Amino acid sequence: LTLACGGVATAQGNAGAINAGDTAWVLGSAA
């Protein structure tokens, strides 16, 4: 699971690679 609507940390050190499916889901959900 990911933490729902969590805050964006100022440090980017633990950011992973962009996942196309996750990105599509979030952008679709935004719409």
All heavy atoms as atom14 arrays in JSON, in Angstrom:
{
  "sequence": "LTLACGGVATAQGNAGAINAGDTAWVLGSAA",
  "atom14_mask": [
    [1, 1, 1, 1, 1, 1, 1, 1, 0, 0, 0, 0, 0, 0],
    [1, 1, 1, 1, 1, 1, 1, 0, 0, 0, 0, 0, 0, 0],
    [1, 1, 1, 1, 1, 1, 1, 1, 0, 0, 0, 0, 0, 0],
    [1, 1, 1, 1, 1, 0, 0, 0, 0, 0, 0, 0, 0, 0],
    [1, 1, 1, 1, 1, 1, 0, 0, 0, 0, 0, 0, 0, 0],
    [1, 1, 1, 1, 0, 0, 0, 0, 0, 0, 0, 0, 0, 0],
    [1, 1, 1, 1, 0, 0, 0, 0, 0, 0, 0, 0, 0, 0],
    [1, 1, 1, 1, 1, 1, 1, 0, 0, 0, 0, 0, 0, 0],
    [1, 1, 1, 1, 1, 0, 0, 0, 0, 0, 0, 0, 0, 0],
    [1, 1, 1, 1, 1, 1, 1, 0, 0, 0, 0, 0, 0, 0],
    [1, 1, 1, 1, 1, 0, 0, 0, 0, 0, 0, 0, 0, 0],
    [1, 1, 1, 1, 1, 1, 1, 1, 1, 0, 0, 0, 0, 0],
    [1, 1, 1, 1, 0, 0, 0, 0, 0, 0, 0, 0, 0, 0],
    [1, 1, 1, 1, 1, 1, 1, 1, 0, 0, 0, 0, 0, 0],
    [1, 1, 1, 1, 1, 0, 0, 0, 0, 0, 0, 0, 0, 0],
    [1, 1, 1, 1, 0, 0, 0, 0, 0, 0, 0, 0, 0, 0],
    [1, 1, 1, 1, 1, 0, 0, 0, 0, 0, 0, 0, 0, 0],
    [1, 1, 1, 1, 1, 1, 1, 1, 0, 0, 0, 0, 0, 0],
    [1, 1, 1, 1, 1, 1, 1, 1, 0, 0, 0, 0, 0, 0],
    [1, 1, 1, 1, 1, 0, 0, 0, 0, 0, 0, 0, 0, 0],
    [1, 1, 1, 1, 0, 0, 0, 0, 0, 0, 0, 0, 0, 0],
    [1, 1, 1, 1, 1, 1, 1, 1, 0, 0, 0, 0, 0, 0],
    [1, 1, 1, 1, 1, 1, 1, 0, 0, 0, 0, 0, 0, 0],
    [1, 1, 1, 1, 1, 0, 0, 0, 0, 0, 0, 0, 0, 0],
    [1, 1, 1, 1, 1, 1, 1, 1, 1, 1, 1, 1, 1, 1],
    [1, 1, 1, 1, 1, 1, 1, 0, 0, 0, 0, 0, 0, 0],
    [1, 1, 1, 1, 1, 1, 1, 1, 0, 0, 0, 0, 0, 0],
    [1, 1, 1, 1, 0, 0, 0, 0, 0, 0, 0, 0, 0, 0],
    [1, 1, 1, 1, 1, 1, 0, 0, 0, 0, 0, 0, 0, 0],
    [1, 1, 1, 1, 1, 0, 0, 0, 0, 0, 0, 0, 0, 0],
    [1, 1, 1, 1, 1, 0, 0, 0, 0, 0, 0, 0, 0, 0]
  ],
  "atom14_positions": [
    [[0.84, -1.19, 0.0], [0.0, 0.0, 0.0], [0.87, 1.23, 0.0], [1.98, 1.23, 0.52], [-0.9, 0.03, 1.25], [-1.72, -1.22, 1.56], [-2.47, -1.01, 2.86], [-2.69, -1.54, 0.44], [0.0, 0.0, 0.0], [0.0, 0.0, 0.0], [0.0, 0.0, 0.0], [0.0, 0.0, 0.0], [0.0, 0.0, 0.0], [0.0, 0.0, 0.0]],
    [[0.33, 2.34, -0.53], [0.99, 3.63, -0.39], [0.19, 4.47, 0.57], [-1.0, 4.27, 0.74], [1.07, 4.37, -1.75], [-0.23, 4.49, -2.28], [1.96, 3.62, -2.72], [0.0, 0.0, 0.0], [0.0, 0.0, 0.0], [0.0, 0.0, 0.0], [0.0, 0.0, 0.0], [0.0, 0.0, 0.0], [0.0, 0.0, 0.0], [0.0, 0.0, 0.0]],
    [[0.84, 5.41, 1.23], [0.15, 6.25, 2.19], [-0.77, 7.21, 1.47], [-0.34, 7.98, 0.62], [1.17, 7.03, 3.03], [0.6, 7.8, 4.2], [-0.04, 6.86, 5.2], [1.68, 8.63, 4.86], [0.0, 0.0, 0.0], [0.0, 0.0, 0.0], [0.0, 0.0, 0.0], [0.0, 0.0, 0.0], [0.0, 0.0, 0.0], [0.0, 0.0, 0.0]],
    [[-2.04, 7.15, 1.79], [-3.04, 7.91, 1.04], [-2.8, 9.39, 1.13], [-2.65, 9.96, 2.21], [-4.42, 7.59, 1.58], [0.0, 0.0, 0.0], [0.0, 0.0, 0.0], [0.0, 0.0, 0.0], [0.0, 0.0, 0.0], [0.0, 0.0, 0.0], [0.0, 0.0, 0.0], [0.0, 0.0, 0.0], [0.0, 0.0, 0.0], [0.0, 0.0, 0.0]],
    [[-2.79, 10.05, -0.03], [-2.71, 11.51, -0.11], [-1.59, 12.08, 0.74], [-1.72, 13.14, 1.31], [-4.04, 12.14, 0.29], [-5.28, 12.02, -1.0], [0.0, 0.0, 0.0], [0.0, 0.0, 0.0], [0.0, 0.0, 0.0], [0.0, 0.0, 0.0], [0.0, 0.0, 0.0], [0.0, 0.0, 0.0], [0.0, 0.0, 0.0], [0.0, 0.0, 0.0]],
    [[-0.5, 11.35, 0.89], [0.57, 11.79, 1.77], [1.25, 13.04, 1.26], [1.18, 13.38, 0.09], [0.0, 0.0, 0.0], [0.0, 0.0, 0.0], [0.0, 0.0, 0.0], [0.0, 0.0, 0.0], [0.0, 0.0, 0.0], [0.0, 0.0, 0.0], [0.0, 0.0, 0.0], [0.0, 0.0, 0.0], [0.0, 0.0, 0.0], [0.0, 0.0, 0.0]],
    [[1.93, 13.72, 2.17], [2.64, 14.93, 1.8], [3.87, 14.62, 1.0], [4.52, 13.61, 1.16], [0.0, 0.0, 0.0], [0.0, 0.0, 0.0], [0.0, 0.0, 0.0], [0.0, 0.0, 0.0], [0.0, 0.0, 0.0], [0.0, 0.0, 0.0], [0.0, 0.0, 0.0], [0.0, 0.0, 0.0], [0.0, 0.0, 0.0], [0.0, 0.0, 0.0]],
    [[4.22, 15.52, 0.1], [5.42, 15.36, -0.7], [6.61, 15.81, 0.11], [6.67, 16.94, 0.58], [5.31, 16.19, -2.0], [6.58, 16.09, -2.79], [4.14, 15.71, -2.82], [0.0, 0.0, 0.0], [0.0, 0.0, 0.0], [0.0, 0.0, 0.0], [0.0, 0.0, 0.0], [0.0, 0.0, 0.0], [0.0, 0.0, 0.0], [0.0, 0.0, 0.0]],
    [[7.56, 14.93, 0.31], [8.74, 15.26, 1.08], [9.61, 16.25, 0.31], [9.65, 16.23, -0.92], [9.54, 14.01, 1.41], [0.0, 0.0, 0.0], [0.0, 0.0, 0.0], [0.0, 0.0, 0.0], [0.0, 0.0, 0.0], [0.0, 0.0, 0.0], [0.0, 0.0, 0.0], [0.0, 0.0, 0.0], [0.0, 0.0, 0.0], [0.0, 0.0, 0.0]],
    [[10.34, 17.08, 1.02], [11.2, 18.04, 0.34], [12.42, 17.35, -0.24], [12.98, 17.8, -1.23], [11.65, 19.13, 1.33], [12.23, 18.51, 2.47], [10.45, 19.94, 1.78], [0.0, 0.0, 0.0], [0.0, 0.0, 0.0], [0.0, 0.0, 0.0], [0.0, 0.0, 0.0], [0.0, 0.0, 0.0], [0.0, 0.0, 0.0], [0.0, 0.0, 0.0]],
    [[12.84, 16.27, 0.37], [13.95, 15.51, -0.19], [13.39, 14.48, -1.16], [12.36, 13.89, -0.94], [14.71, 14.81, 0.93], [0.0, 0.0, 0.0], [0.0, 0.0, 0.0], [0.0, 0.0, 0.0], [0.0, 0.0, 0.0], [0.0, 0.0, 0.0], [0.0, 0.0, 0.0], [0.0, 0.0, 0.0], [0.0, 0.0, 0.0], [0.0, 0.0, 0.0]],
    [[14.11, 14.25, -2.26], [13.64, 13.34, -3.28], [14.42, 12.03, -3.27], [14.3, 11.22, -4.19], [13.77, 13.99, -4.67], [13.08, 15.34, -4.77], [11.59, 15.21, -4.64], [10.96, 14.38, -5.26], [10.99, 16.05, -3.8], [0.0, 0.0, 0.0], [0.0, 0.0, 0.0], [0.0, 0.0, 0.0], [0.0, 0.0, 0.0], [0.0, 0.0, 0.0]],
    [[15.17, 11.78, -2.23], [16.08, 10.66, -2.22], [15.42, 9.31, -2.34], [15.99, 8.39, -2.93], [0.0, 0.0, 0.0], [0.0, 0.0, 0.0], [0.0, 0.0, 0.0], [0.0, 0.0, 0.0], [0.0, 0.0, 0.0], [0.0, 0.0, 0.0], [0.0, 0.0, 0.0], [0.0, 0.0, 0.0], [0.0, 0.0, 0.0], [0.0, 0.0, 0.0]],
    [[14.23, 9.12, -1.79], [13.61, 7.81, -1.83], [12.53, 7.7, -2.9], [11.7, 6.82, -2.87], [13.01, 7.43, -0.47], [11.9, 8.37, -0.05], [11.8, 9.49, -0.53], [11.05, 7.9, 0.87], [0.0, 0.0, 0.0], [0.0, 0.0, 0.0], [0.0, 0.0, 0.0], [0.0, 0.0, 0.0], [0.0, 0.0, 0.0], [0.0, 0.0, 0.0]],
    [[12.55, 8.63, -3.85], [11.59, 8.56, -4.93], [11.97, 7.44, -5.89], [13.13, 7.27, -6.24], [11.54, 9.9, -5.66], [0.0, 0.0, 0.0], [0.0, 0.0, 0.0], [0.0, 0.0, 0.0], [0.0, 0.0, 0.0], [0.0, 0.0, 0.0], [0.0, 0.0, 0.0], [0.0, 0.0, 0.0], [0.0, 0.0, 0.0], [0.0, 0.0, 0.0]],
    [[10.97, 6.68, -6.34], [11.24, 5.59, -7.27], [11.06, 6.04, -8.7], [10.85, 7.21, -9.01], [0.0, 0.0, 0.0], [0.0, 0.0, 0.0], [0.0, 0.0, 0.0], [0.0, 0.0, 0.0], [0.0, 0.0, 0.0], [0.0, 0.0, 0.0], [0.0, 0.0, 0.0], [0.0, 0.0, 0.0], [0.0, 0.0, 0.0], [0.0, 0.0, 0.0]],
    [[11.12, 5.08, -9.61], [10.91, 5.38, -11.02], [9.43, 5.58, -11.28], [8.58, 5.0, -10.61], [11.46, 4.24, -11.87], [0.0, 0.0, 0.0], [0.0, 0.0, 0.0], [0.0, 0.0, 0.0], [0.0, 0.0, 0.0], [0.0, 0.0, 0.0], [0.0, 0.0, 0.0], [0.0, 0.0, 0.0], [0.0, 0.0, 0.0], [0.0, 0.0, 0.0]],
    [[9.14, 6.4, -12.27], [7.74, 6.66, -12.61], [7.11, 5.4, -13.19], [7.68, 4.74, -14.06], [7.64, 7.83, -13.6], [8.0, 9.14, -12.89], [6.24, 7.91, -14.22], [8.02, 10.34, -13.8], [0.0, 0.0, 0.0], [0.0, 0.0, 0.0], [0.0, 0.0, 0.0], [0.0, 0.0, 0.0], [0.0, 0.0, 0.0], [0.0, 0.0, 0.0]],
    [[5.93, 5.08, -12.7], [5.17, 3.93, -13.18], [4.02, 4.45, -14.04], [3.21, 5.25, -13.58], [4.64, 3.12, -12.0], [3.85, 1.91, -12.43], [2.69, 2.04, -12.82], [4.45, 0.74, -12.34], [0.0, 0.0, 0.0], [0.0, 0.0, 0.0], [0.0, 0.0, 0.0], [0.0, 0.0, 0.0], [0.0, 0.0, 0.0], [0.0, 0.0, 0.0]],
    [[3.96, 3.98, -15.29], [2.95, 4.49, -16.22], [1.54, 4.2, -15.74], [0.65, 5.04, -15.85], [3.17, 3.9, -17.61], [0.0, 0.0, 0.0], [0.0, 0.0, 0.0], [0.0, 0.0, 0.0], [0.0, 0.0, 0.0], [0.0, 0.0, 0.0], [0.0, 0.0, 0.0], [0.0, 0.0, 0.0], [0.0, 0.0, 0.0], [0.0, 0.0, 0.0]],
    [[1.31, 3.0, -15.19], [-0.01, 2.64, -14.72], [-0.46, 3.49, -13.56], [-1.61, 3.96, -13.52], [0.0, 0.0, 0.0], [0.0, 0.0, 0.0], [0.0, 0.0, 0.0], [0.0, 0.0, 0.0], [0.0, 0.0, 0.0], [0.0, 0.0, 0.0], [0.0, 0.0, 0.0], [0.0, 0.0, 0.0], [0.0, 0.0, 0.0], [0.0, 0.0, 0.0]],
    [[0.44, 3.7, -12.59], [0.1, 4.54, -11.45], [-0.18, 5.97, -11.88], [-1.13, 6.62, -11.4], [1.24, 4.53, -10.42], [1.42, 3.18, -9.76], [0.51, 2.33, -9.86], [2.49, 2.96, -9.14], [0.0, 0.0, 0.0], [0.0, 0.0, 0.0], [0.0, 0.0, 0.0], [0.0, 0.0, 0.0], [0.0, 0.0, 0.0], [0.0, 0.0, 0.0]],
    [[0.65, 6.48, -12.78], [0.47, 7.85, -13.25], [-0.86, 8.01, -13.98], [-1.6, 8.98, -13.76], [1.63, 8.26, -14.17], [2.87, 8.13, -13.46], [1.48, 9.7, -14.64], [0.0, 0.0, 0.0], [0.0, 0.0, 0.0], [0.0, 0.0, 0.0], [0.0, 0.0, 0.0], [0.0, 0.0, 0.0], [0.0, 0.0, 0.0], [0.0, 0.0, 0.0]],
    [[-1.18, 7.05, -14.84], [-2.45, 7.1, -15.56], [-3.63, 7.05, -14.59], [-4.63, 7.77, -14.77], [-2.54, 5.94, -16.56], [0.0, 0.0, 0.0], [0.0, 0.0, 0.0], [0.0, 0.0, 0.0], [0.0, 0.0, 0.0], [0.0, 0.0, 0.0], [0.0, 0.0, 0.0], [0.0, 0.0, 0.0], [0.0, 0.0, 0.0], [0.0, 0.0, 0.0]],
    [[-3.52, 6.22, -13.55], [-4.6, 6.11, -12.57], [-4.8, 7.42, -11.82], [-5.93, 7.88, -11.64], [-4.31, 4.96, -11.61], [-5.26, 4.87, -10.46], [-4.96, 4.95, -9.13], [-6.69, 4.68, -10.51], [-6.09, 4.83, -8.36], [-7.17, 4.66, -9.18], [-7.59, 4.53, -11.55], [-8.51, 4.49, -8.88], [-8.94, 4.37, -11.25], [-9.39, 4.35, -9.92]],
    [[-3.72, 8.04, -11.4], [-3.84, 9.27, -10.63], [-4.35, 10.41, -11.5], [-5.21, 11.2, -11.07], [-2.48, 9.63, -9.98], [-2.53, 11.03, -9.36], [-2.11, 8.6, -8.92], [0.0, 0.0, 0.0], [0.0, 0.0, 0.0], [0.0, 0.0, 0.0], [0.0, 0.0, 0.0], [0.0, 0.0, 0.0], [0.0, 0.0, 0.0], [0.0, 0.0, 0.0]],
    [[-3.85, 10.52, -12.74], [-4.34, 11.58, -13.62], [-5.82, 11.36, -13.98], [-6.61, 12.31, -14.03], [-3.5, 11.64, -14.89], [-2.07, 12.15, -14.7], [-1.29, 12.08, -16.01], [-2.04, 13.57, -14.16], [0.0, 0.0, 0.0], [0.0, 0.0, 0.0], [0.0, 0.0, 0.0], [0.0, 0.0, 0.0], [0.0, 0.0, 0.0], [0.0, 0.0, 0.0]],
    [[-6.19, 10.11, -14.22], [-7.6, 9.82, -14.48], [-8.46, 10.13, -13.28], [-9.57, 10.66, -13.4], [0.0, 0.0, 0.0], [0.0, 0.0, 0.0], [0.0, 0.0, 0.0], [0.0, 0.0, 0.0], [0.0, 0.0, 0.0], [0.0, 0.0, 0.0], [0.0, 0.0, 0.0], [0.0, 0.0, 0.0], [0.0, 0.0, 0.0], [0.0, 0.0, 0.0]],
    [[-7.95, 9.8, -12.1], [-8.69, 10.1, -10.87], [-8.82, 11.6, -10.66], [-9.85, 12.1, -10.18], [-7.99, 9.46, -9.66], [-8.03, 8.05, -9.75], [0.0, 0.0, 0.0], [0.0, 0.0, 0.0], [0.0, 0.0, 0.0], [0.0, 0.0, 0.0], [0.0, 0.0, 0.0], [0.0, 0.0, 0.0], [0.0, 0.0, 0.0], [0.0, 0.0, 0.0]],
    [[-7.77, 12.35, -11.01], [-7.84, 13.81, -10.9], [-8.97, 14.36, -11.77], [-9.72, 15.25, -11.36], [-6.51, 14.44, -11.3], [0.0, 0.0, 0.0], [0.0, 0.0, 0.0], [0.0, 0.0, 0.0], [0.0, 0.0, 0.0], [0.0, 0.0, 0.0], [0.0, 0.0, 0.0], [0.0, 0.0, 0.0], [0.0, 0.0, 0.0], [0.0, 0.0, 0.0]],
    [[-9.1, 13.81, -12.98], [-10.18, 14.25, -13.87], [-11.54, 13.9, -13.28], [-12.5, 14.68, -13.37], [-10.01, 13.61, -15.24], [0.0, 0.0, 0.0], [0.0, 0.0, 0.0], [0.0, 0.0, 0.0], [0.0, 0.0, 0.0], [0.0, 0.0, 0.0], [0.0, 0.0, 0.0], [0.0, 0.0, 0.0], [0.0, 0.0, 0.0], [0.0, 0.0, 0.0]]
  ]
}
